[in-house]
Amino acid sequence: MYPTTQGQETADRTVRWYSPDPAAEGRNRRPSAHPVHPRIRPRGSQLIDRRRKARCELCDKRTDVQVHQVRHLAELQAWREQPTWVQLMLKKRRRTLVVCPPCHEDIHA
């Protein structure tokens, strides 16, 4: 929850606010409820979510993670031998892979 100019956002994503009408000062004012539109997430936020999980996508270990990135998926498709990490990137259709430091070292070895 965070304060807004008209009230406070609640867990059910509804803003509750009171009428700014000065004539209503003495009356028992009840809050009005208006639904808040869901925020549109910016591009790249899925990578941020994957990093925040702090889970290696190769060995599934919870630890500090790093991001391995390739320029183009087409580069990976040209490989004759496709290691596990290449197969995973192609399967997910992602240019990035969130991995732990030992797995990242194995990728670059």
Protein backbone atom coordinates (compact mmCIF):
# COMPACT_ATOMS: atom_id res chain seq x y z
CA MET A 1 0.00 0.00 0.00
CA TYR A 2 1.09 3.52 -0.69
CA PRO A 3 -0.48 6.95 -0.25
CA THR A 4 -2.13 8.57 -3.24
CA THR A 5 -3.44 12.09 -3.73
CA GLN A 6 -7.00 10.90 -3.20
CA GLY A 7 -6.59 8.26 -0.53
CA GLN A 8 -4.79 5.00 0.09
CA GLU A 9 -4.50 2.02 -2.23
CA THR A 10 -5.72 -1.14 -0.56
CA ALA A 11 -4.90 -4.80 -1.18
CA ASP A 12 -7.98 -5.22 -3.40
CA ARG A 13 -6.60 -2.46 -5.67
CA THR A 14 -9.37 -0.02 -4.81
CA VAL A 15 -8.80 3.62 -3.99
CA ARG A 16 -10.95 4.98 -1.20
CA TRP A 17 -11.35 8.73 -1.04
CA TYR A 18 -13.52 11.31 0.63
CA SER A 19 -15.40 14.08 -1.11
CA PRO A 20 -13.39 17.33 -1.13
CA ASP A 21 -16.67 19.28 -0.92
CA PRO A 22 -16.27 21.78 1.97
CA ALA A 23 -20.06 21.77 2.51
CA ALA A 24 -19.80 18.10 3.44
CA GLU A 25 -17.37 18.80 6.32
CA GLY A 26 -19.97 18.51 9.05
CA ARG A 27 -21.77 15.49 7.61
CA ASN A 28 -20.85 11.90 8.08
CA ARG A 29 -18.85 11.36 4.90
CA ARG A 30 -18.53 7.84 3.55
CA PRO A 31 -15.69 6.86 1.23
CA SER A 32 -16.35 6.18 -2.42
CA ALA A 33 -14.64 3.18 -3.98
CA HIS A 34 -13.27 3.20 -7.51
CA PRO A 35 -11.35 0.32 -9.09
CA VAL A 36 -7.78 1.09 -10.05
CA HIS A 37 -6.61 -0.01 -13.47
CA PRO A 38 -3.80 -2.59 -13.31
CA ARG A 39 -0.40 -1.15 -14.11
CA ILE A 40 1.07 -2.00 -17.47
CA ARG A 41 4.42 -3.65 -16.88
CA PRO A 42 7.37 -2.31 -18.84
CA ARG A 43 9.37 -4.50 -21.19
CA GLY A 44 12.09 -6.50 -19.53
CA SER A 45 10.22 -6.90 -16.27
CA GLN A 46 10.12 -10.69 -16.70
CA LEU A 47 13.90 -10.78 -16.51
CA ILE A 48 13.74 -8.71 -13.33
CA ASP A 49 11.22 -11.17 -11.85
CA ARG A 50 13.42 -14.12 -12.82
CA ARG A 51 16.46 -12.50 -11.16
CA ARG A 52 14.52 -11.71 -7.98
CA LYS A 53 13.66 -15.38 -7.54
CA ALA A 54 17.41 -16.00 -7.01
CA ARG A 55 17.09 -19.48 -8.47
CA CYS A 56 19.43 -20.94 -11.08
CA GLU A 57 17.44 -21.98 -14.15
CA LEU A 58 19.93 -24.77 -14.91
CA CYS A 59 20.57 -26.52 -11.59
CA ASP A 60 17.54 -25.08 -9.71
CA LYS A 61 19.73 -24.02 -6.76
CA ARG A 62 18.73 -20.96 -4.69
CA THR A 63 21.77 -18.70 -4.54
CA ASP A 64 23.19 -15.49 -5.95
CA VAL A 65 22.52 -15.42 -9.67
CA GLN A 66 24.01 -13.91 -12.79
CA VAL A 67 22.49 -13.41 -16.22
CA HIS A 68 23.96 -15.09 -19.29
CA GLN A 69 22.95 -13.38 -22.52
CA VAL A 70 23.49 -14.14 -26.20
CA ARG A 71 23.08 -11.66 -29.05
CA HIS A 72 20.81 -13.77 -31.25
CA LEU A 73 19.04 -17.10 -30.76
CA ALA A 74 19.99 -17.95 -34.35
CA GLU A 75 23.61 -18.21 -33.18
CA LEU A 76 22.60 -21.05 -30.86
CA GLN A 77 20.58 -22.91 -33.48
CA ALA A 78 23.70 -23.20 -35.65
CA TRP A 79 25.54 -25.24 -33.02
CA ARG A 80 26.06 -28.91 -33.88
CA GLU A 81 26.37 -30.00 -30.26
CA GLN A 82 23.79 -28.30 -28.11
CA PRO A 83 24.58 -28.36 -24.38
CA THR A 84 21.78 -28.30 -21.83
CA TRP A 85 21.88 -24.52 -21.45
CA VAL A 86 21.56 -24.01 -25.22
CA GLN A 87 18.60 -26.38 -25.39
CA LEU A 88 16.95 -24.55 -22.48
CA MET A 89 17.41 -21.13 -24.08
CA LEU A 90 16.00 -22.37 -27.38
CA LYS A 91 13.10 -24.09 -25.64
CA LYS A 92 12.22 -20.92 -23.71
CA ARG A 93 12.92 -18.72 -26.75
CA ARG A 94 14.90 -16.36 -24.56
CA ARG A 95 18.23 -14.65 -25.14
CA THR A 96 18.87 -14.58 -21.39
CA LEU A 97 19.37 -17.29 -18.82
CA VAL A 98 19.52 -16.68 -15.05
CA VAL A 99 22.21 -18.95 -13.63
CA CYS A 100 24.38 -19.40 -10.53
CA PRO A 101 28.12 -18.52 -10.79
CA PRO A 102 29.31 -22.17 -11.13
CA CYS A 103 26.85 -22.81 -13.98
CA HIS A 104 27.85 -19.52 -15.61
CA GLU A 105 31.50 -20.58 -15.48
CA ASP A 106 30.57 -23.92 -17.09
CA ILE A 107 28.76 -22.08 -19.89
CA HIS A 108 31.87 -20.00 -20.66
CA ALA A 109 34.29 -22.94 -20.31
